[in-house]
Amino acid sequence: MNESLAQNPQLQAMVAELERVYDSEKKESLEEKPELSPELEGFLKDVQTRLEDSP
């Protein structure tokens, strides 16, 4: 595969475009915050409050 890629500029361009699209989609998914259940949100806030209030 590496030889084919090295010898074919069109294939190189296609692979580069696929990598660019993959990277942009991955970056977008990392920027999105997951939606948490209200119960989990409440639990996390409770834990945060306890940690902030502890000496």
Protein backbone atom coordinates (compact mmCIF):
# COMPACT_ATOMS: atom_id res chain seq x y z
CA MET A 1 0.00 0.00 0.00
CA ASN A 2 2.81 2.43 0.85
CA GLU A 3 4.38 1.90 -2.58
CA SER A 4 1.07 2.53 -4.30
CA LEU A 5 0.53 5.63 -2.23
CA ALA A 6 4.04 6.93 -2.91
CA GLN A 7 3.60 6.51 -6.66
CA ASN A 8 0.09 7.90 -7.04
CA PRO A 9 -0.54 11.60 -6.39
CA GLN A 10 -4.31 11.15 -6.73
CA LEU A 11 -4.29 8.46 -4.07
CA GLN A 12 -2.14 10.68 -1.84
CA ALA A 13 -4.67 13.50 -2.22
CA MET A 14 -7.56 11.16 -1.43
CA VAL A 15 -5.87 9.83 1.71
CA ALA A 16 -5.00 13.36 2.83
CA GLU A 17 -8.63 14.45 2.37
CA LEU A 18 -9.92 11.42 4.29
CA GLU A 19 -7.50 12.18 7.12
CA ARG A 20 -8.58 15.84 7.16
CA VAL A 21 -12.27 14.92 7.35
CA TYR A 22 -11.64 12.33 10.06
CA ASP A 23 -9.61 14.78 12.13
CA SER A 24 -12.21 17.55 11.83
CA GLU A 25 -15.05 15.21 12.86
CA LYS A 26 -13.01 13.91 15.78
CA LYS A 27 -12.23 17.46 16.91
CA GLU A 28 -15.92 18.42 16.70
CA SER A 29 -16.96 15.42 18.77
CA LEU A 30 -14.43 16.31 21.45
CA GLU A 31 -15.79 19.85 21.66
CA GLU A 32 -19.36 18.65 22.26
CA LYS A 33 -20.35 18.20 25.88
CA PRO A 34 -22.17 14.96 26.54
CA GLU A 35 -25.70 15.31 27.84
CA LEU A 36 -25.92 13.95 31.38
CA SER A 37 -29.01 12.82 33.20
CA PRO A 38 -30.41 15.22 35.81
CA GLU A 39 -29.59 12.68 38.52
CA LEU A 40 -25.95 12.52 37.47
CA GLU A 41 -25.77 16.32 37.19
CA GLY A 42 -27.11 16.61 40.74
CA PHE A 43 -24.66 14.02 42.03
CA LEU A 44 -21.70 15.77 40.44
CA LYS A 45 -22.78 19.14 41.82
CA ASP A 46 -23.14 17.58 45.27
CA VAL A 47 -19.65 16.09 45.05
CA GLN A 48 -18.23 19.43 43.87
CA THR A 49 -19.89 21.26 46.76
CA ARG A 50 -18.53 18.77 49.27
CA LEU A 51 -15.03 19.08 47.85
CA GLU A 52 -15.17 22.88 47.89
CA ASP A 53 -16.46 22.92 51.49
CA SER A 54 -13.91 20.46 52.87
CA PRO A 55 -10.76 21.90 54.52
